[in-house]
Amino acid sequence: MAWKTVVNTGLGEASYWGLFTTRSERASMRTSFNIPDEVVEEFDRVWQDEGLANRSRAVREAMQEYIEAHSRLEATTGEVVALVGFDYRHHEVIRELHGVQHEYQDVILNTSHTHQGEWCLESLFCRGPVERVRALIYELRDFDGVNRVKSMLIRDSA
């Protein structure tokens, strides 16, 4: 698979990226993303600091890491103990997040919450069937006001 250049043109508050891939057996495919300018700037700083050859390589690696993390989460079976951490803009999603937490109270044992300006950092300590914990993680990731969701799972040996 040959990778071509990622194009970034500023369009107001968000950048427009086009990712072009070419496969010798198939026609070209174009994919684009809307990404806030500050995220693009930080991403560019990071991949350049790491000495990667270009942005395309960095995007490829980031996508592969995302796929690997998803695959590990999907491959986990049985009962788990988990820490789920996420940050969000309080005023944008707090009511919906409380609703989700009540929906998953069968697996959420404890929560911790702290404020950082307009952002909040929340941690959920969970225990239960991995299917329920996984569904909670996926639901949290689907909120526009949630910046990122990170999880750490271990199998429950009890």
C-alpha atoms as a PDB file:
ATOM      1  CA  MET A   1       0.000   0.000   0.000  1.00  0.00           C
ATOM      2  CA  ALA A   2       1.475   3.355  -1.009  1.00  0.00           C
ATOM      3  CA  TRP A   3       0.591   6.455   0.975  1.00  0.00           C
ATOM      4  CA  LYS A   4       0.468   9.927  -0.493  1.00  0.00           C
ATOM      5  CA  THR A   5       0.473  13.337   1.162  1.00  0.00           C
ATOM      6  CA  VAL A   6      -1.992  14.455   3.797  1.00  0.00           C
ATOM      7  CA  VAL A   7      -3.347  17.867   2.808  1.00  0.00           C
ATOM      8  CA  ASN A   8      -4.169  20.435   5.487  1.00  0.00           C
ATOM      9  CA  THR A   9      -5.896  23.662   4.533  1.00  0.00           C
ATOM     10  CA  GLY A  10      -7.186  25.981   7.264  1.00  0.00           C
ATOM     11  CA  LEU A  11     -10.938  26.511   7.169  1.00  0.00           C
ATOM     12  CA  GLY A  12     -11.844  28.732  10.105  1.00  0.00           C
ATOM     13  CA  GLU A  13     -11.758  27.006  13.478  1.00  0.00           C
ATOM     14  CA  ALA A  14     -11.144  23.517  12.108  1.00  0.00           C
ATOM     15  CA  SER A  15      -8.646  22.178   9.639  1.00  0.00           C
ATOM     16  CA  TYR A  16      -9.579  20.028   6.687  1.00  0.00           C
ATOM     17  CA  TRP A  17      -7.326  17.058   6.142  1.00  0.00           C
ATOM     18  CA  GLY A  18      -7.452  14.818   3.116  1.00  0.00           C
ATOM     19  CA  LEU A  19      -5.807  11.429   3.364  1.00  0.00           C
ATOM     20  CA  PHE A  20      -5.171   9.766   0.030  1.00  0.00           C
ATOM     21  CA  THR A  21      -4.326   6.092  -0.209  1.00  0.00           C
ATOM     22  CA  THR A  22      -3.443   4.154  -3.306  1.00  0.00           C
ATOM     23  CA  ARG A  23      -3.411   0.396  -3.711  1.00  0.00           C
ATOM     24  CA  SER A  24      -2.096  -1.147  -6.852  1.00  0.00           C
ATOM     25  CA  GLU A  25      -5.081  -3.530  -7.061  1.00  0.00           C
ATOM     26  CA  ARG A  26      -7.705  -0.841  -6.409  1.00  0.00           C
ATOM     27  CA  ALA A  27      -8.605   2.692  -7.344  1.00  0.00           C
ATOM     28  CA  SER A  28      -7.607   5.582  -5.061  1.00  0.00           C
ATOM     29  CA  MET A  29      -9.671   6.426  -2.020  1.00  0.00           C
ATOM     30  CA  ARG A  30      -9.942   9.861  -0.438  1.00  0.00           C
ATOM     31  CA  THR A  31     -10.790  10.378   3.225  1.00  0.00           C
ATOM     32  CA  SER A  32     -11.120  13.700   4.987  1.00  0.00           C
ATOM     33  CA  PHE A  33     -11.357  14.769   8.624  1.00  0.00           C
ATOM     34  CA  ASN A  34     -12.454  17.947  10.390  1.00  0.00           C
ATOM     35  CA  ILE A  35      -9.913  18.573  13.135  1.00  0.00           C
ATOM     36  CA  PRO A  36      -9.523  21.689  15.305  1.00  0.00           C
ATOM     37  CA  ASP A  37      -6.472  23.753  14.350  1.00  0.00           C
ATOM     38  CA  GLU A  38      -4.920  23.444  17.816  1.00  0.00           C
ATOM     39  CA  VAL A  39      -5.067  19.642  17.607  1.00  0.00           C
ATOM     40  CA  VAL A  40      -3.396  19.684  14.176  1.00  0.00           C
ATOM     41  CA  GLU A  41      -0.677  22.029  15.449  1.00  0.00           C
ATOM     42  CA  GLU A  42       0.033  19.820  18.483  1.00  0.00           C
ATOM     43  CA  PHE A  43      -0.046  16.666  16.359  1.00  0.00           C
ATOM     44  CA  ASP A  44       2.470  18.190  13.937  1.00  0.00           C
ATOM     45  CA  ARG A  45       4.735  19.201  16.830  1.00  0.00           C
ATOM     46  CA  VAL A  46       4.639  15.699  18.314  1.00  0.00           C
ATOM     47  CA  TRP A  47       5.386  13.740  15.143  1.00  0.00           C
ATOM     48  CA  GLN A  48       8.184  16.148  14.234  1.00  0.00           C
ATOM     49  CA  ASP A  49       9.663  15.880  17.773  1.00  0.00           C
ATOM     50  CA  GLU A  50       9.621  12.097  17.362  1.00  0.00           C
ATOM     51  CA  GLY A  51      11.546  12.430  14.113  1.00  0.00           C
ATOM     52  CA  LEU A  52       8.962  10.803  11.880  1.00  0.00           C
ATOM     53  CA  ALA A  53       9.391  11.398   8.155  1.00  0.00           C
ATOM     54  CA  ASN A  54       6.010  13.009   7.538  1.00  0.00           C
ATOM     55  CA  ARG A  55       2.458  13.556   8.760  1.00  0.00           C
ATOM     56  CA  SER A  56       1.159  10.603   6.728  1.00  0.00           C
ATOM     57  CA  ARG A  57       3.398   8.252   8.670  1.00  0.00           C
ATOM     58  CA  ALA A  58       2.215   9.749  11.962  1.00  0.00           C
ATOM     59  CA  VAL A  59      -1.460   9.440  10.984  1.00  0.00           C
ATOM     60  CA  ARG A  60      -0.883   5.817   9.927  1.00  0.00           C
ATOM     61  CA  GLU A  61       0.728   5.002  13.279  1.00  0.00           C
ATOM     62  CA  ALA A  62      -2.022   6.768  15.240  1.00  0.00           C
ATOM     63  CA  MET A  63      -4.698   4.866  13.325  1.00  0.00           C
ATOM     64  CA  GLN A  64      -2.896   1.562  13.924  1.00  0.00           C
ATOM     65  CA  GLU A  65      -2.660   2.260  17.672  1.00  0.00           C
ATOM     66  CA  TYR A  66      -6.384   3.063  17.744  1.00  0.00           C
ATOM     67  CA  ILE A  67      -7.199  -0.201  15.957  1.00  0.00           C
ATOM     68  CA  GLU A  68      -4.957  -2.200  18.308  1.00  0.00           C
ATOM     69  CA  ALA A  69      -6.565  -0.652  21.412  1.00  0.00           C
ATOM     70  CA  HIS A  70     -10.029  -1.403  20.023  1.00  0.00           C
ATOM     71  CA  SER A  71      -9.024  -4.986  19.220  1.00  0.00           C
ATOM     72  CA  ARG A  72      -7.713  -5.537  22.771  1.00  0.00           C
ATOM     73  CA  LEU A  73     -10.943  -4.153  24.240  1.00  0.00           C
ATOM     74  CA  GLU A  74     -13.051  -6.352  21.942  1.00  0.00           C
ATOM     75  CA  ALA A  75     -10.953  -9.467  22.706  1.00  0.00           C
ATOM     76  CA  THR A  76     -11.368  -9.171  26.486  1.00  0.00           C
ATOM     77  CA  THR A  77     -13.923 -11.596  27.933  1.00  0.00           C
ATOM     78  CA  GLY A  78     -15.539 -12.313  31.279  1.00  0.00           C
ATOM     79  CA  GLU A  79     -15.672 -10.136  34.362  1.00  0.00           C
ATOM     80  CA  VAL A  80     -13.375  -7.125  34.552  1.00  0.00           C
ATOM     81  CA  VAL A  81     -12.286  -4.404  36.900  1.00  0.00           C
ATOM     82  CA  ALA A  82     -11.786  -1.155  35.014  1.00  0.00           C
ATOM     83  CA  LEU A  83     -10.795   2.442  35.389  1.00  0.00           C
ATOM     84  CA  VAL A  84     -12.428   4.668  32.783  1.00  0.00           C
ATOM     85  CA  GLY A  85     -11.199   8.251  32.625  1.00  0.00           C
ATOM     86  CA  PHE A  86     -12.560  11.023  30.432  1.00  0.00           C
ATOM     87  CA  ASP A  87     -12.510  14.786  30.129  1.00  0.00           C
ATOM     88  CA  TYR A  88     -15.335  16.980  28.941  1.00  0.00           C
ATOM     89  CA  ARG A  89     -16.793  20.448  28.899  1.00  0.00           C
ATOM     90  CA  HIS A  90     -19.177  20.445  31.837  1.00  0.00           C
ATOM     91  CA  HIS A  91     -21.838  22.756  30.410  1.00  0.00           C
ATOM     92  CA  GLU A  92     -22.112  20.838  27.112  1.00  0.00           C
ATOM     93  CA  VAL A  93     -22.898  17.321  28.308  1.00  0.00           C
ATOM     94  CA  ILE A  94     -23.370  17.064  32.072  1.00  0.00           C
ATOM     95  CA  ARG A  95     -27.058  16.073  32.017  1.00  0.00           C
ATOM     96  CA  GLU A  96     -26.515  13.421  29.365  1.00  0.00           C
ATOM     97  CA  LEU A  97     -23.439  12.077  31.184  1.00  0.00           C
ATOM     98  CA  HIS A  98     -25.368  11.745  34.428  1.00  0.00           C
ATOM     99  CA  GLY A  99     -28.031   9.818  32.525  1.00  0.00           C
ATOM    100  CA  VAL A 100     -25.405   7.432  31.142  1.00  0.00           C
ATOM    101  CA  GLN A 101     -23.875   6.927  34.575  1.00  0.00           C
ATOM    102  CA  HIS A 102     -27.281   6.011  35.994  1.00  0.00           C
ATOM    103  CA  GLU A 103     -27.868   3.639  33.069  1.00  0.00           C
ATOM    104  CA  TYR A 104     -24.627   1.805  33.960  1.00  0.00           C
ATOM    105  CA  GLN A 105     -24.878   1.908  37.750  1.00  0.00           C
ATOM    106  CA  ASP A 106     -24.779  -1.897  37.743  1.00  0.00           C
ATOM    107  CA  VAL A 107     -21.070  -1.739  36.785  1.00  0.00           C
ATOM    108  CA  ILE A 108     -19.970   1.694  38.064  1.00  0.00           C
ATOM    109  CA  LEU A 109     -18.763   1.293  41.645  1.00  0.00           C
ATOM    110  CA  ASN A 110     -17.413   4.776  42.251  1.00  0.00           C
ATOM    111  CA  THR A 111     -16.808   8.067  40.466  1.00  0.00           C
ATOM    112  CA  SER A 112     -14.323  10.861  40.991  1.00  0.00           C
ATOM    113  CA  HIS A 113     -14.676  14.334  39.525  1.00  0.00           C
ATOM    114  CA  THR A 114     -12.423  17.375  39.392  1.00  0.00           C
ATOM    115  CA  HIS A 115     -12.636  20.749  37.659  1.00  0.00           C
ATOM    116  CA  GLN A 116      -9.968  22.348  35.470  1.00  0.00           C
ATOM    117  CA  GLY A 117     -11.425  25.635  34.268  1.00  0.00           C
ATOM    118  CA  GLU A 118     -14.221  24.892  31.811  1.00  0.00           C
ATOM    119  CA  TRP A 119     -13.065  21.267  31.568  1.00  0.00           C
ATOM    120  CA  CYS A 120     -13.901  18.443  33.948  1.00  0.00           C
ATOM    121  CA  LEU A 121     -11.972  15.234  34.505  1.00  0.00           C
ATOM    122  CA  GLU A 122     -14.037  12.243  35.568  1.00  0.00           C
ATOM    123  CA  SER A 123     -12.935   8.764  36.544  1.00  0.00           C
ATOM    124  CA  LEU A 124     -15.239   5.782  36.853  1.00  0.00           C
ATOM    125  CA  PHE A 125     -14.227   2.685  38.772  1.00  0.00           C
ATOM    126  CA  CYS A 126     -16.106  -0.260  37.305  1.00  0.00           C
ATOM    127  CA  ARG A 127     -16.574  -3.971  37.915  1.00  0.00           C
ATOM    128  CA  GLY A 128     -18.736  -6.373  35.966  1.00  0.00           C
ATOM    129  CA  PRO A 129     -19.221  -8.132  32.647  1.00  0.00           C
ATOM    130  CA  VAL A 130     -16.863  -6.759  30.013  1.00  0.00           C
ATOM    131  CA  GLU A 131     -19.794  -6.373  27.611  1.00  0.00           C
ATOM    132  CA  ARG A 132     -21.375  -3.765  29.914  1.00  0.00           C
ATOM    133  CA  VAL A 133     -18.105  -1.946  30.609  1.00  0.00           C
ATOM    134  CA  ARG A 134     -17.267  -1.924  26.890  1.00  0.00           C
ATOM    135  CA  ALA A 135     -20.736  -0.541  26.056  1.00  0.00           C
ATOM    136  CA  LEU A 136     -20.200   2.220  28.638  1.00  0.00           C
ATOM    137  CA  ILE A 137     -16.831   3.154  27.110  1.00  0.00           C
ATOM    138  CA  TYR A 138     -18.277   3.264  23.592  1.00  0.00           C
ATOM    139  CA  GLU A 139     -21.234   5.363  24.726  1.00  0.00           C
ATOM    140  CA  LEU A 140     -18.945   7.885  26.443  1.00  0.00           C
ATOM    141  CA  ARG A 141     -16.810   8.154  23.293  1.00  0.00           C
ATOM    142  CA  ASP A 142     -19.876   9.095  21.274  1.00  0.00           C
ATOM    143  CA  PHE A 143     -20.453  12.430  23.083  1.00  0.00           C
ATOM    144  CA  ASP A 144     -19.346  15.507  21.138  1.00  0.00           C
ATOM    145  CA  GLY A 145     -18.522  17.367  24.364  1.00  0.00           C
ATOM    146  CA  VAL A 146     -16.251  14.561  25.613  1.00  0.00           C
ATOM    147  CA  ASN A 147     -12.677  15.195  24.540  1.00  0.00           C
ATOM    148  CA  ARG A 148     -11.199  11.725  25.079  1.00  0.00           C
ATOM    149  CA  VAL A 149     -11.936   8.490  26.920  1.00  0.00           C
ATOM    150  CA  LYS A 150      -9.185   6.219  28.233  1.00  0.00           C
ATOM    151  CA  SER A 151      -9.646   2.857  29.891  1.00  0.00           C
ATOM    152  CA  MET A 152      -7.580   0.348  31.771  1.00  0.00           C
ATOM    153  CA  LEU A 153      -9.085  -3.108  32.172  1.00  0.00           C
ATOM    154  CA  ILE A 154      -7.934  -6.100  34.153  1.00  0.00           C
ATOM    155  CA  ARG A 155      -9.659  -9.421  34.427  1.00  0.00           C
ATOM    156  CA  ASP A 156     -11.477  -9.945  37.688  1.00  0.00           C
ATOM    157  CA  SER A 157      -9.909 -12.904  39.489  1.00  0.00           C
ATOM    158  CA  ALA A 158     -12.510 -12.958  42.268  1.00  0.00           C
END
